Amino acid sequence: METFNKEFPPLACPKTDKFFSVSRSDITRRIIEENIPVGALDASKASINAICDEYMTVSTEGMAWLLPAVCKYVLQRKPDHETFAEMIPLYIELGEIGYSFNLSFLNERQKELLYNLLEYLAETYSLDVCDAQIKLENKT
């Protein structure tokens, strides 16, 4: 956890206009917007639960906060960490230019750390992480 915190230092959740890649008129955004923990360094179960599967509305800046927040939540084995662990490979697989967010903000050390985290997720939760690992090796 210490290494993860070093490579992904605390980052405040951005304001909603920067968190979302969609306009204020988007129905999904309007439904979950009040659950965005603006200014928070960590995510609560309630905020992750509201946001985690609405990734198509999250901007790159929002994902720069959300991905590490979900990873830290899972690593700390907080309530329902098993459910949220499933989202990490998906975020990595989808994070590319042309999608609502991309993972271009990741440096090489962060990619390596996420790659190792994916190994842990595969072993601990029996998740298929191959596509996400390939993505980290090749693209993002």
N, C-alpha and C. Protein backbone atom coordinates (compact mmCIF):
# COMPACT_ATOMS: atom_id res chain seq x y z
N MET A 1 0.83 -1.19 0.00
CA MET A 1 0.00 0.00 0.00
C MET A 1 0.87 1.26 0.00
N GLU A 2 1.99 1.17 0.71
CA GLU A 2 2.90 2.32 0.78
C GLU A 2 3.43 2.69 -0.61
N THR A 3 3.81 1.67 -1.38
CA THR A 3 4.31 1.92 -2.74
C THR A 3 3.21 2.52 -3.61
N PHE A 4 2.01 2.00 -3.46
CA PHE A 4 0.89 2.53 -4.26
C PHE A 4 0.65 4.00 -3.92
N ASN A 5 0.66 4.33 -2.64
CA ASN A 5 0.46 5.72 -2.22
C ASN A 5 1.58 6.63 -2.72
N LYS A 6 2.79 6.08 -2.80
CA LYS A 6 3.92 6.87 -3.29
C LYS A 6 3.75 7.19 -4.78
N GLU A 7 3.34 6.21 -5.55
CA GLU A 7 3.20 6.40 -7.00
C GLU A 7 1.89 7.09 -7.38
N PHE A 8 0.89 6.94 -6.55
CA PHE A 8 -0.39 7.62 -6.76
C PHE A 8 -0.67 8.46 -5.51
N PRO A 9 0.02 9.60 -5.40
CA PRO A 9 -0.17 10.43 -4.21
C PRO A 9 -1.60 10.95 -4.12
N PRO A 10 -2.01 11.34 -2.93
CA PRO A 10 -3.37 11.84 -2.75
C PRO A 10 -3.70 12.94 -3.77
N LEU A 11 -4.86 12.80 -4.36
CA LEU A 11 -5.33 13.75 -5.36
C LEU A 11 -6.78 14.08 -5.02
N ALA A 12 -7.09 15.34 -4.96
CA ALA A 12 -8.46 15.75 -4.64
C ALA A 12 -9.37 15.46 -5.83
N CYS A 13 -10.55 14.97 -5.53
CA CYS A 13 -11.54 14.73 -6.57
C CYS A 13 -11.89 16.05 -7.24
N PRO A 14 -11.84 16.11 -8.57
CA PRO A 14 -12.11 17.37 -9.26
C PRO A 14 -13.57 17.80 -9.14
N LYS A 15 -13.80 19.07 -9.39
CA LYS A 15 -15.17 19.59 -9.43
C LYS A 15 -15.94 18.87 -10.52
N THR A 16 -17.24 18.84 -10.39
CA THR A 16 -18.06 18.03 -11.29
C THR A 16 -17.90 18.42 -12.76
N ASP A 17 -17.71 19.70 -13.05
CA ASP A 17 -17.55 20.09 -14.46
C ASP A 17 -16.29 19.49 -15.07
N LYS A 18 -15.30 19.21 -14.26
CA LYS A 18 -14.07 18.58 -14.76
C LYS A 18 -14.12 17.06 -14.61
N PHE A 19 -14.91 16.58 -13.66
CA PHE A 19 -15.01 15.14 -13.42
C PHE A 19 -15.71 14.43 -14.58
N PHE A 20 -16.73 15.06 -15.11
CA PHE A 20 -17.53 14.43 -16.16
C PHE A 20 -17.07 14.81 -17.56
N SER A 21 -17.27 13.89 -18.49
CA SER A 21 -16.99 14.15 -19.89
C SER A 21 -18.26 14.53 -20.64
N VAL A 22 -19.38 14.52 -19.94
CA VAL A 22 -20.67 14.82 -20.55
C VAL A 22 -21.21 16.13 -19.99
N SER A 23 -22.16 16.71 -20.69
CA SER A 23 -22.72 18.00 -20.28
C SER A 23 -23.64 17.85 -19.07
N ARG A 24 -23.97 18.96 -18.49
CA ARG A 24 -24.87 18.97 -17.32
C ARG A 24 -26.25 18.43 -17.65
N SER A 25 -26.63 18.44 -18.91
CA SER A 25 -27.95 17.96 -19.29
C SER A 25 -28.02 16.44 -19.39
N ASP A 26 -26.88 15.77 -19.35
CA ASP A 26 -26.85 14.31 -19.43
C ASP A 26 -27.58 13.72 -18.23
N ILE A 27 -28.51 12.81 -18.50
CA ILE A 27 -29.36 12.26 -17.44
C ILE A 27 -28.55 11.47 -16.41
N THR A 28 -27.59 10.69 -16.87
CA THR A 28 -26.76 9.92 -15.93
C THR A 28 -25.99 10.85 -15.02
N ARG A 29 -25.40 11.88 -15.60
CA ARG A 29 -24.66 12.85 -14.78
C ARG A 29 -25.58 13.47 -13.74
N ARG A 30 -26.77 13.85 -14.15
CA ARG A 30 -27.69 14.50 -13.20
C ARG A 30 -28.04 13.56 -12.05
N ILE A 31 -28.13 12.28 -12.34
CA ILE A 31 -28.49 11.31 -11.30
C ILE A 31 -27.35 11.11 -10.30
N ILE A 32 -26.12 11.00 -10.78
CA ILE A 32 -25.00 10.66 -9.89
C ILE A 32 -24.17 11.85 -9.42
N GLU A 33 -24.41 13.02 -9.99
CA GLU A 33 -23.56 14.18 -9.70
C GLU A 33 -23.45 14.50 -8.21
N GLU A 34 -24.52 14.35 -7.48
CA GLU A 34 -24.48 14.68 -6.05
C GLU A 34 -23.61 13.71 -5.25
N ASN A 35 -23.28 12.57 -5.85
CA ASN A 35 -22.43 11.58 -5.16
C ASN A 35 -20.95 11.76 -5.44
N ILE A 36 -20.59 12.72 -6.27
CA ILE A 36 -19.18 12.98 -6.56
C ILE A 36 -18.58 13.69 -5.35
N PRO A 37 -17.58 13.09 -4.72
CA PRO A 37 -17.00 13.68 -3.50
C PRO A 37 -15.98 14.78 -3.82
N VAL A 38 -16.45 15.87 -4.39
CA VAL A 38 -15.58 16.97 -4.80
C VAL A 38 -14.64 17.36 -3.66
N GLY A 39 -13.36 17.43 -3.97
CA GLY A 39 -12.35 17.83 -2.99
C GLY A 39 -11.84 16.70 -2.11
N ALA A 40 -12.51 15.55 -2.13
CA ALA A 40 -12.09 14.43 -1.27
C ALA A 40 -10.85 13.75 -1.83
N LEU A 41 -10.01 13.26 -0.94
CA LEU A 41 -8.81 12.52 -1.35
C LEU A 41 -9.11 11.04 -1.53
N ASP A 42 -10.05 10.53 -0.76
CA ASP A 42 -10.44 9.13 -0.81
C ASP A 42 -11.91 9.02 -1.19
N ALA A 43 -12.31 7.82 -1.52
CA ALA A 43 -13.69 7.58 -1.90
C ALA A 43 -14.38 6.71 -0.86
N SER A 44 -15.61 7.02 -0.60
CA SER A 44 -16.42 6.19 0.30
C SER A 44 -17.08 5.09 -0.53
N LYS A 45 -17.61 4.11 0.16
CA LYS A 45 -18.34 3.04 -0.52
C LYS A 45 -19.50 3.62 -1.31
N ALA A 46 -20.21 4.56 -0.73
CA ALA A 46 -21.38 5.15 -1.40
C ALA A 46 -20.98 5.89 -2.67
N SER A 47 -19.90 6.65 -2.61
CA SER A 47 -19.50 7.40 -3.81
C SER A 47 -18.99 6.46 -4.90
N ILE A 48 -18.19 5.47 -4.53
CA ILE A 48 -17.70 4.52 -5.53
C ILE A 48 -18.87 3.74 -6.12
N ASN A 49 -19.78 3.33 -5.28
CA ASN A 49 -20.94 2.58 -5.74
C ASN A 49 -21.75 3.37 -6.76
N ALA A 50 -21.90 4.65 -6.54
CA ALA A 50 -22.68 5.50 -7.45
C ALA A 50 -21.95 5.74 -8.76
N ILE A 51 -20.64 5.83 -8.71
CA ILE A 51 -19.84 6.25 -9.87
C ILE A 51 -19.28 5.09 -10.67
N CYS A 52 -18.89 4.01 -10.01
CA CYS A 52 -18.01 3.01 -10.62
C CYS A 52 -18.49 2.44 -11.94
N ASP A 53 -19.77 2.19 -12.10
CA ASP A 53 -20.22 1.61 -13.37
C ASP A 53 -20.77 2.64 -14.35
N GLU A 54 -20.59 3.90 -14.03
CA GLU A 54 -20.99 4.98 -14.95
C GLU A 54 -19.75 5.59 -15.61
N TYR A 55 -18.75 4.75 -15.87
CA TYR A 55 -17.46 5.19 -16.40
C TYR A 55 -17.56 5.88 -17.75
N MET A 56 -18.64 5.68 -18.49
CA MET A 56 -18.78 6.33 -19.80
C MET A 56 -19.02 7.83 -19.67
N THR A 57 -19.29 8.29 -18.47
CA THR A 57 -19.50 9.72 -18.25
C THR A 57 -18.29 10.41 -17.62
N VAL A 58 -17.27 9.63 -17.28
CA VAL A 58 -16.11 10.15 -16.55
C VAL A 58 -15.05 10.66 -17.53
N SER A 59 -14.52 11.83 -17.25
CA SER A 59 -13.46 12.42 -18.08
C SER A 59 -12.10 11.85 -17.68
N THR A 60 -11.09 12.20 -18.44
CA THR A 60 -9.72 11.78 -18.10
C THR A 60 -9.33 12.33 -16.73
N GLU A 61 -9.68 13.58 -16.47
CA GLU A 61 -9.36 14.18 -15.16
C GLU A 61 -10.11 13.46 -14.04
N GLY A 62 -11.34 13.08 -14.29
CA GLY A 62 -12.11 12.33 -13.30
C GLY A 62 -11.50 10.95 -13.05
N MET A 63 -11.05 10.31 -14.13
CA MET A 63 -10.44 8.98 -13.99
C MET A 63 -9.09 9.05 -13.30
N ALA A 64 -8.39 10.16 -13.43
CA ALA A 64 -7.11 10.33 -12.73
C ALA A 64 -7.32 10.28 -11.23
N TRP A 65 -8.51 10.62 -10.77
CA TRP A 65 -8.86 10.50 -9.36
C TRP A 65 -9.52 9.14 -9.08
N LEU A 66 -10.46 8.72 -9.94
CA LEU A 66 -11.27 7.53 -9.68
C LEU A 66 -10.46 6.24 -9.70
N LEU A 67 -9.60 6.04 -10.69
CA LEU A 67 -8.84 4.79 -10.78
C LEU A 67 -8.00 4.55 -9.53
N PRO A 68 -7.16 5.50 -9.10
CA PRO A 68 -6.40 5.26 -7.87
C PRO A 68 -7.29 5.13 -6.63
N ALA A 69 -8.40 5.88 -6.60
CA ALA A 69 -9.30 5.80 -5.44
C ALA A 69 -9.90 4.40 -5.32
N VAL A 70 -10.32 3.82 -6.44
CA VAL A 70 -10.88 2.46 -6.42
C VAL A 70 -9.78 1.45 -6.07
N CYS A 71 -8.60 1.62 -6.65
CA CYS A 71 -7.49 0.71 -6.34
C CYS A 71 -7.17 0.72 -4.84
N LYS A 72 -7.08 1.90 -4.27
CA LYS A 72 -6.78 2.02 -2.84
C LYS A 72 -7.89 1.41 -1.99
N TYR A 73 -9.13 1.63 -2.40
CA TYR A 73 -10.27 1.07 -1.68
C TYR A 73 -10.17 -0.46 -1.66
N VAL A 74 -9.86 -1.05 -2.81
CA VAL A 74 -9.74 -2.51 -2.91
C VAL A 74 -8.55 -3.01 -2.10
N LEU A 75 -7.42 -2.35 -2.22
CA LEU A 75 -6.22 -2.77 -1.49
C LEU A 75 -6.42 -2.70 0.03
N GLN A 76 -7.23 -1.77 0.47
CA GLN A 76 -7.52 -1.65 1.90
C GLN A 76 -8.60 -2.62 2.35
N ARG A 77 -9.14 -3.36 1.39
CA ARG A 77 -10.16 -4.39 1.65
C ARG A 77 -11.35 -3.84 2.42
N LYS A 78 -11.80 -2.70 1.99
CA LYS A 78 -12.97 -2.07 2.61
C LYS A 78 -14.23 -2.81 2.16
N PRO A 79 -15.39 -2.51 2.77
CA PRO A 79 -16.63 -3.23 2.43
C PRO A 79 -16.91 -3.26 0.92
N ASP A 80 -17.26 -4.44 0.43
CA ASP A 80 -17.57 -4.69 -0.98
C ASP A 80 -16.39 -4.50 -1.92
N HIS A 81 -15.18 -4.62 -1.39
CA HIS A 81 -13.99 -4.47 -2.23
C HIS A 81 -13.98 -5.46 -3.38
N GLU A 82 -14.58 -6.63 -3.19
CA GLU A 82 -14.61 -7.63 -4.25
C GLU A 82 -15.35 -7.12 -5.47
N THR A 83 -16.46 -6.46 -5.23
CA THR A 83 -17.27 -5.91 -6.32
C THR A 83 -16.51 -4.83 -7.08
N PHE A 84 -15.87 -3.95 -6.35
CA PHE A 84 -15.17 -2.83 -6.98
C PHE A 84 -13.88 -3.29 -7.67
N ALA A 85 -13.31 -4.41 -7.24
CA ALA A 85 -12.10 -4.93 -7.87
C ALA A 85 -12.34 -5.24 -9.35
N GLU A 86 -13.54 -5.66 -9.68
CA GLU A 86 -13.89 -5.99 -11.06
C GLU A 86 -13.80 -4.79 -12.00
N MET A 87 -13.92 -3.59 -11.46
CA MET A 87 -13.92 -2.39 -12.30
C MET A 87 -12.52 -2.00 -12.76
N ILE A 88 -11.51 -2.35 -12.01
CA ILE A 88 -10.14 -1.90 -12.30
C ILE A 88 -9.66 -2.39 -13.67
N PRO A 89 -9.76 -3.69 -13.99
CA PRO A 89 -9.35 -4.11 -15.33
C PRO A 89 -10.17 -3.44 -16.43
N LEU A 90 -11.44 -3.26 -16.18
CA LEU A 90 -12.31 -2.62 -17.18
C LEU A 90 -11.87 -1.20 -17.46
N TYR A 91 -11.59 -0.43 -16.42
CA TYR A 91 -11.12 0.95 -16.62
C TYR A 91 -9.86 0.97 -17.48
N ILE A 92 -8.95 0.05 -17.21
CA ILE A 92 -7.69 0.02 -17.95
C ILE A 92 -7.94 -0.39 -19.41
N GLU A 93 -8.81 -1.36 -19.62
CA GLU A 93 -9.12 -1.80 -20.98
C GLU A 93 -9.75 -0.69 -21.81
N LEU A 94 -10.61 0.10 -21.20
CA LEU A 94 -11.35 1.13 -21.94
C LEU A 94 -10.60 2.44 -22.08
N GLY A 95 -9.63 2.69 -21.23
CA GLY A 95 -8.99 4.01 -21.17
C GLY A 95 -8.10 4.33 -22.35
N GLU A 96 -8.69 4.80 -23.42
CA GLU A 96 -7.89 5.17 -24.59
C GLU A 96 -8.46 6.41 -25.25
N ILE A 97 -7.67 7.01 -26.09
CA ILE A 97 -8.09 8.20 -26.81
C ILE A 97 -9.30 7.85 -27.65
N GLY A 98 -10.29 8.70 -27.63
CA GLY A 98 -11.52 8.44 -28.36
C GLY A 98 -12.63 7.95 -27.44
N TYR A 99 -12.27 7.52 -26.24
CA TYR A 99 -13.26 7.12 -25.26
C TYR A 99 -13.51 8.33 -24.36
N SER A 100 -14.42 8.23 -23.42
CA SER A 100 -14.71 9.38 -22.56
C SER A 100 -13.49 9.76 -21.71
N PHE A 101 -12.62 8.80 -21.44
CA PHE A 101 -11.37 9.08 -20.71
C PHE A 101 -10.25 8.28 -21.35
N ASN A 102 -9.02 8.71 -21.11
CA ASN A 102 -7.87 7.91 -21.51
C ASN A 102 -6.89 7.90 -20.36
N LEU A 103 -5.97 6.99 -20.42
CA LEU A 103 -5.02 6.81 -19.32
C LEU A 103 -3.65 7.37 -19.65
N SER A 104 -3.62 8.38 -20.48
CA SER A 104 -2.36 9.00 -20.88
C SER A 104 -1.65 9.67 -19.71
N PHE A 105 -2.35 9.90 -18.62
CA PHE A 105 -1.74 10.53 -17.45
C PHE A 105 -0.81 9.59 -16.69
N LEU A 106 -0.88 8.29 -16.99
CA LEU A 106 -0.05 7.32 -16.27
C LEU A 106 1.40 7.38 -16.73
N ASN A 107 2.32 7.37 -15.77
CA ASN A 107 3.74 7.27 -16.13
C ASN A 107 4.13 5.79 -16.11
N GLU A 108 5.35 5.49 -16.52
CA GLU A 108 5.79 4.10 -16.62
C GLU A 108 5.75 3.36 -15.28
N ARG A 109 6.12 4.02 -14.23
CA ARG A 109 6.11 3.38 -12.90
C ARG A 109 4.68 3.07 -12.47
N GLN A 110 3.76 3.98 -12.75
CA GLN A 110 2.36 3.74 -12.41
C GLN A 110 1.79 2.57 -13.22
N LYS A 111 2.15 2.49 -14.49
CA LYS A 111 1.70 1.37 -15.32
C LYS A 111 2.22 0.05 -14.77
N GLU A 112 3.48 0.04 -14.37
CA GLU A 112 4.08 -1.17 -13.80
C GLU A 112 3.36 -1.57 -12.51
N LEU A 113 3.07 -0.61 -11.69
CA LEU A 113 2.36 -0.88 -10.44
C LEU A 113 0.95 -1.41 -10.71
N LEU A 114 0.26 -0.82 -11.67
CA LEU A 114 -1.08 -1.30 -12.03
C LEU A 114 -1.01 -2.71 -12.62
N TYR A 115 0.01 -2.98 -13.41
CA TYR A 115 0.21 -4.32 -13.97
C TYR A 115 0.31 -5.34 -12.84
N ASN A 116 1.12 -5.02 -11.84
CA ASN A 116 1.27 -5.91 -10.68
C ASN A 116 -0.01 -6.02 -9.87
N LEU A 117 -0.74 -4.92 -9.77
CA LEU A 117 -2.02 -4.96 -9.08
C LEU A 117 -2.98 -5.89 -9.81
N LEU A 118 -2.96 -5.86 -11.12
CA LEU A 118 -3.82 -6.75 -11.90
C LEU A 118 -3.48 -8.21 -11.61
N GLU A 119 -2.20 -8.53 -11.45
CA GLU A 119 -1.80 -9.90 -11.07
C GLU A 119 -2.43 -10.28 -9.74
N TYR A 120 -2.35 -9.36 -8.80
CA TYR A 120 -2.94 -9.58 -7.48
C TYR A 120 -4.45 -9.81 -7.60
N LEU A 121 -5.12 -8.99 -8.41
CA LEU A 121 -6.57 -9.13 -8.59
C LEU A 121 -6.92 -10.48 -9.22
N ALA A 122 -6.11 -10.91 -10.17
CA ALA A 122 -6.36 -12.20 -10.81
C ALA A 122 -6.24 -13.34 -9.81
N GLU A 123 -5.23 -13.28 -8.97
CA GLU A 123 -5.00 -14.33 -7.98
C GLU A 123 -6.01 -14.29 -6.84
N THR A 124 -6.34 -13.10 -6.39
CA THR A 124 -7.21 -12.94 -5.23
C THR A 124 -8.69 -13.09 -5.56
N TYR A 125 -9.11 -12.53 -6.69
CA TYR A 125 -10.53 -12.50 -7.03
C TYR A 125 -10.88 -13.32 -8.27
N SER A 126 -9.91 -14.05 -8.80
CA SER A 126 -10.11 -14.87 -10.01
C SER A 126 -10.66 -14.05 -11.18
N LEU A 127 -10.09 -12.87 -11.36
CA LEU A 127 -10.52 -12.00 -12.46
C LEU A 127 -9.65 -12.23 -13.69
N ASP A 128 -10.25 -12.07 -14.86
CA ASP A 128 -9.51 -12.12 -16.11
C ASP A 128 -8.92 -10.74 -16.36
N VAL A 129 -7.62 -10.65 -16.30
CA VAL A 129 -6.95 -9.35 -16.42
C VAL A 129 -6.01 -9.28 -17.63
N CYS A 130 -6.03 -10.31 -18.47
CA CYS A 130 -5.08 -10.38 -19.59
C CYS A 130 -5.17 -9.17 -20.52
N ASP A 131 -6.38 -8.81 -20.93
CA ASP A 131 -6.53 -7.68 -21.85
C ASP A 131 -6.03 -6.38 -21.23
N ALA A 132 -6.31 -6.19 -19.96
CA ALA A 132 -5.85 -4.98 -19.28
C ALA A 132 -4.33 -4.95 -19.19
N GLN A 133 -3.73 -6.10 -18.92
CA GLN A 133 -2.26 -6.15 -18.84
C GLN A 133 -1.62 -5.89 -20.20
N ILE A 134 -2.20 -6.44 -21.24
CA ILE A 134 -1.69 -6.19 -22.59
C ILE A 134 -1.78 -4.70 -22.91
N LYS A 135 -2.89 -4.10 -22.53
CA LYS A 135 -3.08 -2.67 -22.76
C LYS A 135 -2.00 -1.86 -22.04
N LEU A 136 -1.71 -2.20 -20.81
CA LEU A 136 -0.67 -1.48 -20.06
C LEU A 136 0.71 -1.67 -20.69
N GLU A 137 0.96 -2.85 -21.19
CA GLU A 137 2.26 -3.12 -21.82
C GLU A 137 2.43 -2.35 -23.13
N ASN A 138 1.35 -2.21 -23.88
CA ASN A 138 1.45 -1.69 -25.24
C ASN A 138 1.07 -0.23 -25.44
N LYS A 139 0.01 0.22 -24.78
CA LYS A 139 -0.58 1.48 -25.20
C LYS A 139 -0.50 2.60 -24.19
N THR A 140 -1.34 2.50 -23.19
CA THR A 140 -1.64 3.63 -22.32
C THR A 140 -0.50 4.38 -21.87
